[in-house]
Protein backbone atom coordinates (compact mmCIF):
# COMPACT_ATOMS: atom_id res chain seq x y z
CA MET A 1 -42.81 -55.90 140.00
CA LYS A 2 -41.30 -58.23 137.41
CA LYS A 3 -43.75 -60.69 135.90
CA HIS A 4 -43.04 -64.34 136.66
CA ASN A 5 -42.74 -66.63 133.63
CA LEU A 6 -44.92 -69.64 134.31
CA LYS A 7 -42.85 -72.83 134.40
CA PHE A 8 -44.27 -75.99 132.87
CA LEU A 9 -43.47 -79.65 132.37
CA ASN A 10 -44.64 -81.66 129.39
CA LEU A 11 -46.11 -84.84 130.86
CA VAL A 12 -44.56 -86.89 128.05
CA LEU A 13 -41.39 -87.02 130.18
CA LEU A 14 -43.06 -88.99 132.97
CA GLY A 15 -44.21 -92.57 133.20
CA GLY A 16 -47.26 -93.79 135.10
CA LYS A 17 -50.89 -92.84 135.33
CA THR A 18 -52.09 -89.33 134.59
CA GLU A 19 -52.92 -88.32 138.15
CA LYS A 20 -49.55 -89.55 139.42
CA LYS A 21 -47.79 -87.54 136.70
CA LEU A 22 -49.77 -84.44 137.67
CA GLN A 23 -48.90 -84.97 141.33
CA ALA A 24 -45.21 -85.37 140.47
CA ALA A 25 -45.16 -82.15 138.42
CA HIS A 26 -46.94 -80.23 141.16
CA GLN A 27 -44.73 -81.63 143.92
CA ALA A 28 -41.58 -80.67 141.98
CA GLY A 29 -42.76 -77.05 141.78
CA PHE A 30 -44.14 -76.58 138.24
CA ASP A 31 -46.89 -73.99 137.70
CA GLN A 32 -48.32 -75.76 134.67
CA VAL A 33 -48.17 -78.90 132.56
CA GLU A 34 -48.52 -79.59 128.89
CA ILE A 35 -51.08 -82.36 128.82
CA TRP A 36 -51.84 -84.76 125.98
CA LYS A 37 -55.29 -85.75 124.83
CA GLU A 38 -54.23 -89.34 125.54
CA ASP A 39 -53.42 -88.43 129.17
CA ILE A 40 -57.00 -87.33 129.59
CA GLN A 41 -58.66 -90.13 127.65
CA ASN A 42 -56.65 -92.81 129.51
CA ASN A 43 -57.30 -91.38 132.96
CA SER A 44 -59.27 -94.01 134.87
CA ASN A 45 -60.98 -91.45 137.12
CA GLY A 46 -62.31 -89.39 134.23
CA ILE A 47 -61.84 -85.85 133.07
CA SER A 48 -63.46 -84.27 136.13
CA SER A 49 -60.73 -85.59 138.45
CA ILE A 50 -58.09 -83.82 136.35
CA MET A 51 -59.97 -80.55 136.59
CA GLN A 52 -60.48 -81.06 140.33
CA PHE A 53 -56.77 -81.71 140.88
CA SER A 54 -55.89 -78.61 138.87
CA ILE A 55 -58.17 -76.42 140.97
CA GLN A 56 -57.13 -77.89 144.32
CA LYS A 57 -53.38 -77.75 143.66
CA LYS A 58 -53.48 -74.57 141.56
CA ILE A 59 -51.58 -76.19 138.70
CA GLY A 60 -52.61 -75.03 135.24
CA PHE A 61 -52.39 -76.31 131.69
CA THR A 62 -50.04 -74.65 129.22
CA ASN A 63 -51.81 -76.37 126.35
CA LEU A 64 -53.62 -79.48 125.18
CA GLN A 65 -51.58 -81.60 122.75
CA VAL A 66 -51.54 -82.23 119.90
CA LEU A 67 -53.77 -81.41 116.91
CA ARG A 68 -51.76 -82.75 113.99
CA ASP A 69 -51.78 -81.79 110.31
CA PHE A 70 -54.71 -79.38 110.41
CA ALA A 71 -53.61 -76.77 107.89
CA GLY A 72 -53.42 -77.63 104.20
CA ILE A 73 -55.79 -80.57 104.57
CA PRO A 74 -56.49 -82.40 101.30
CA TYR A 75 -59.96 -81.91 99.84
CA GLY A 76 -62.64 -84.11 101.36
CA GLN A 77 -61.07 -84.20 104.83
CA HIS A 78 -62.10 -80.79 106.17
CA LYS A 79 -65.22 -82.01 107.95
CA GLN A 80 -63.29 -84.68 109.86
CA LYS A 81 -60.42 -82.34 110.78
CA ARG A 82 -62.71 -79.52 111.88
CA GLU A 83 -64.62 -81.93 114.07
CA GLU A 84 -61.31 -82.99 115.61
CA LEU A 85 -60.57 -79.33 116.43
CA ARG A 86 -63.96 -79.03 118.14
CA GLN A 87 -63.19 -82.15 120.20
CA PHE A 88 -59.91 -80.57 121.30
CA ILE A 89 -61.73 -77.37 122.24
CA ASN A 90 -64.30 -79.32 124.27
CA ILE A 91 -61.62 -81.27 126.14
CA ALA A 92 -59.56 -78.13 126.77
CA GLN A 93 -62.58 -76.30 128.14
CA ALA A 94 -63.43 -79.24 130.40
CA ILE A 95 -60.05 -79.01 132.16
CA GLY A 96 -59.80 -75.22 132.17
CA CYS A 97 -57.13 -74.99 129.46
CA ASN A 98 -57.11 -72.09 127.00
CA ALA A 99 -54.59 -73.24 124.38
CA ILE A 100 -54.25 -76.03 121.81
CA GLN A 101 -50.97 -76.99 120.21
CA ALA A 102 -51.23 -77.46 116.44
CA PRO A 103 -47.90 -78.00 114.63
CA ALA A 104 -47.28 -77.23 110.98
CA SER A 105 -48.21 -79.99 108.55
CA THR A 106 -46.06 -83.08 108.13
CA ARG A 107 -48.12 -84.44 105.22
CA GLU A 108 -46.55 -84.96 101.83
CA ASP A 109 -49.95 -84.25 100.23
CA CYS A 110 -50.40 -80.99 102.14
CA LEU A 111 -52.15 -78.34 100.01
CA ILE A 112 -49.69 -75.51 100.50
CA ASP A 113 -51.88 -72.83 98.94
CA LYS A 114 -54.69 -73.64 101.42
CA ILE A 115 -52.65 -73.41 104.64
CA ASP A 116 -53.38 -69.73 105.33
CA GLU A 117 -57.10 -70.25 104.79
CA ASP A 118 -57.19 -73.27 107.13
CA LEU A 119 -55.22 -71.47 109.85
CA ARG A 120 -57.54 -68.47 109.69
CA TRP A 121 -60.54 -70.78 110.02
CA MET A 122 -58.95 -72.58 112.97
CA ALA A 123 -58.15 -69.26 114.67
CA SER A 124 -61.65 -67.88 114.15
CA GLU A 125 -63.22 -71.05 115.53
CA ALA A 126 -60.87 -71.15 118.53
CA ILE A 127 -61.36 -67.50 119.44
CA ARG A 128 -65.10 -68.08 119.83
CA TYR A 129 -64.15 -70.11 122.89
CA LYS A 130 -61.34 -67.76 124.00
CA MET A 131 -58.76 -70.32 122.89
CA LYS A 132 -55.24 -69.75 121.59
CA ILE A 133 -53.51 -71.80 118.91
CA MET A 134 -49.84 -72.63 119.43
CA TYR A 135 -48.26 -73.16 116.01
CA GLU A 136 -45.08 -75.24 116.10
CA PRO A 137 -42.48 -75.52 113.37
CA MET A 138 -41.13 -79.08 113.62
CA SER A 139 -37.93 -80.05 111.87
CA TRP A 140 -39.62 -82.75 109.76
CA CYS A 141 -42.63 -80.66 108.72
CA THR A 142 -43.22 -80.42 104.97
CA VAL A 143 -43.89 -76.67 105.37
CA ASP A 144 -42.88 -74.09 108.00
CA ASN A 145 -40.19 -76.34 109.46
CA THR A 146 -38.16 -73.43 110.87
CA LEU A 147 -38.99 -70.60 113.23
CA PRO A 148 -38.50 -67.85 110.59
CA LEU A 149 -40.80 -69.62 108.11
CA ALA A 150 -43.48 -70.17 110.77
CA TRP A 151 -43.23 -66.53 111.87
CA GLU A 152 -43.71 -65.34 108.26
CA ARG A 153 -46.82 -67.52 108.12
CA ILE A 154 -48.23 -66.14 111.35
CA LYS A 155 -47.61 -62.55 110.24
CA ARG A 156 -49.38 -63.20 106.94
CA VAL A 157 -52.34 -65.01 108.51
CA ASP A 158 -52.67 -62.06 110.93
CA GLN A 159 -54.85 -63.59 113.63
CA PRO A 160 -54.58 -62.36 117.25
CA ASN A 161 -54.80 -65.81 118.82
CA ILE A 162 -52.11 -67.71 116.89
CA GLY A 163 -48.57 -67.64 118.26
CA LEU A 164 -45.34 -69.59 118.01
CA VAL A 165 -43.93 -72.54 119.88
CA VAL A 166 -40.16 -72.25 120.30
CA ASP A 167 -38.78 -75.79 120.67
CA LEU A 168 -35.00 -75.92 120.95
CA PHE A 169 -34.83 -79.44 119.54
CA HIS A 170 -36.37 -78.49 116.20
CA ILE A 171 -34.27 -75.36 115.85
CA TYR A 172 -31.02 -77.20 116.58
CA ALA A 173 -31.95 -80.24 114.48
CA LEU A 174 -31.77 -78.19 111.27
CA GLY A 175 -28.65 -76.27 112.25
CA GLY A 176 -30.42 -73.19 113.61
CA ASP A 177 -29.50 -71.12 116.64
CA ALA A 178 -30.81 -68.31 118.83
CA LEU A 179 -30.53 -65.82 115.95
CA GLN A 180 -33.75 -67.35 114.59
CA LEU A 181 -35.58 -65.41 117.31
CA ASP A 182 -34.50 -62.09 115.81
CA GLY A 183 -37.45 -59.97 114.74
CA ILE A 184 -40.07 -62.02 116.58
CA PRO A 185 -41.93 -60.00 119.25
CA GLY A 186 -41.91 -61.67 122.65
CA ASP A 187 -45.69 -61.59 122.90
CA ARG A 188 -46.09 -63.65 119.70
CA ILE A 189 -44.16 -66.50 121.27
CA TYR A 190 -46.74 -68.49 123.21
CA GLU A 191 -44.35 -70.95 124.87
CA VAL A 192 -40.71 -72.05 124.97
CA GLN A 193 -39.78 -75.73 125.27
CA LEU A 194 -36.29 -76.53 126.52
CA CYS A 195 -34.46 -79.80 126.00
CA ASP A 196 -31.04 -81.05 124.99
CA ILE A 197 -29.51 -83.61 122.66
CA ALA A 198 -26.54 -85.89 123.37
CA SER A 199 -24.90 -85.69 119.95
CA LYS A 200 -25.29 -84.06 116.56
CA PRO A 201 -28.76 -84.84 115.19
CA PRO A 202 -29.06 -87.26 112.26
CA LYS A 203 -29.86 -85.90 108.80
CA ASP A 204 -32.39 -88.46 107.61
CA LYS A 205 -35.96 -87.85 108.72
CA LYS A 206 -36.72 -91.29 110.13
CA SER A 207 -33.67 -91.25 112.42
CA LEU A 208 -34.34 -87.64 113.43
CA ILE A 209 -37.91 -88.46 114.43
CA ASN A 210 -36.64 -91.44 116.43
CA VAL A 211 -34.23 -89.24 118.41
CA ALA A 212 -36.89 -86.58 118.91
CA ARG A 213 -39.44 -89.03 120.29
CA HIS A 214 -37.21 -91.29 122.34
CA GLN A 215 -33.77 -89.81 123.11
CA ARG A 216 -33.99 -86.14 124.04
CA GLN A 217 -32.09 -85.08 127.14
CA LEU A 218 -32.83 -82.74 130.01
CA PRO A 219 -31.32 -79.27 129.52
CA GLY A 220 -27.62 -79.27 130.41
CA ASN A 221 -27.09 -82.95 129.58
CA GLY A 222 -26.18 -82.40 125.93
CA ILE A 223 -24.63 -80.10 123.35
CA ILE A 224 -27.24 -77.41 122.65
CA LYS A 225 -26.04 -73.93 123.61
CA ILE A 226 -29.09 -73.24 125.75
CA ASP A 227 -27.66 -70.11 127.37
CA SER A 228 -27.67 -68.28 124.03
CA PHE A 229 -31.41 -68.94 123.65
CA ILE A 230 -32.07 -67.81 127.21
CA ASP A 231 -30.10 -64.57 126.65
CA LYS A 232 -32.05 -63.87 123.47
CA LEU A 233 -35.42 -64.55 125.12
CA LYS A 234 -34.56 -62.17 127.94
CA SER A 235 -33.37 -59.51 125.49
CA ILE A 236 -36.74 -59.51 123.70
CA GLY A 237 -38.62 -59.39 126.98
CA TYR A 238 -40.24 -62.81 126.75
CA GLN A 239 -42.81 -63.20 129.52
CA GLY A 240 -44.66 -66.35 128.49
CA PRO A 241 -44.44 -69.92 129.75
CA ILE A 242 -41.09 -71.68 129.67
CA GLY A 243 -40.61 -75.35 130.42
CA ILE A 244 -39.31 -78.81 129.67
CA GLU A 245 -40.35 -81.01 126.76
CA VAL A 246 -38.20 -84.12 126.79
CA PHE A 247 -39.14 -87.43 125.18
CA ASN A 248 -36.84 -89.98 126.78
CA ASP A 249 -37.64 -93.68 127.10
CA GLN A 250 -35.15 -94.31 129.92
CA LEU A 251 -36.38 -91.44 132.10
CA LYS A 252 -39.97 -92.55 131.52
CA CYS A 253 -39.16 -95.86 133.24
CA LEU A 254 -38.06 -94.15 136.47
CA SER A 255 -40.19 -92.78 139.28
CA PRO A 256 -42.17 -89.79 137.96
CA TYR A 257 -41.46 -87.92 141.20
CA GLU A 258 -37.71 -88.38 140.79
CA VAL A 259 -37.75 -87.36 137.12
CA ALA A 260 -40.00 -84.34 137.68
CA GLU A 261 -37.57 -83.15 140.35
CA GLN A 262 -34.65 -83.55 137.92
CA ALA A 263 -36.58 -81.57 135.32
CA TRP A 264 -37.35 -78.79 137.80
CA ILE A 265 -33.68 -78.47 138.75
CA ALA A 266 -32.62 -78.47 135.07
CA LEU A 267 -35.14 -75.76 134.17
CA ASN A 268 -34.13 -73.54 137.10
CA ASN A 269 -30.46 -73.84 136.18
CA TYR A 270 -31.31 -71.87 133.04
CA TRP A 271 -34.34 -69.84 134.08
CA PRO A 272 -34.25 -69.24 137.86
């Protein structure tokens, strides 16, 4: 029997309170959500209600977002950053989530020669709690800003619980395409985030970040050749979670139930 890829929705797409966003994602048909630390901290009914909803509705958590700028931390900041990781682990455990998303560094003062060491420490700490680390190459990262670079890093670090995030926005933003998946085993990709973009992405970093955080489109509503990524993922036998990560200010103003339904239809157009 063919394994079913779990389908998720990043809650950043939806407006409203956390429990309403969870209800909307569940009602639309999603198996999982990507949930932000802020979603949990701002939930008026506390963390236990999120866990209770998850158990009752059988909706899981793809990951907890987002632990920023962990690897290559400047000297003197390790204690603070490592404590932040432990906080993420505690929150993830409290809701029954087994993965934390930790993108590559965006800091200009990132200590490049310390990144491997920091990632190994993060992995060894996370694995004590049976946690995975999802390492994301973002287009404005100061290191590992492409999928091939991030994959070289993960191979070198050689930890069993660190895998890649494949985000179509960041690949396309720097002129990449589905060929960037060549040579990456399907089981080292921990999740795939689909989205679209209305027009060619800007070159300067500030404008690019603005588009990424406010103007992404649902898959099929833009110019990314999503089918080529889907074909490549299927050819390498990808069996992990696949879903929607769309930051869009206009959609966030609409009913979360309506938008979650749109997202579910968009996802199933590409990955039935």
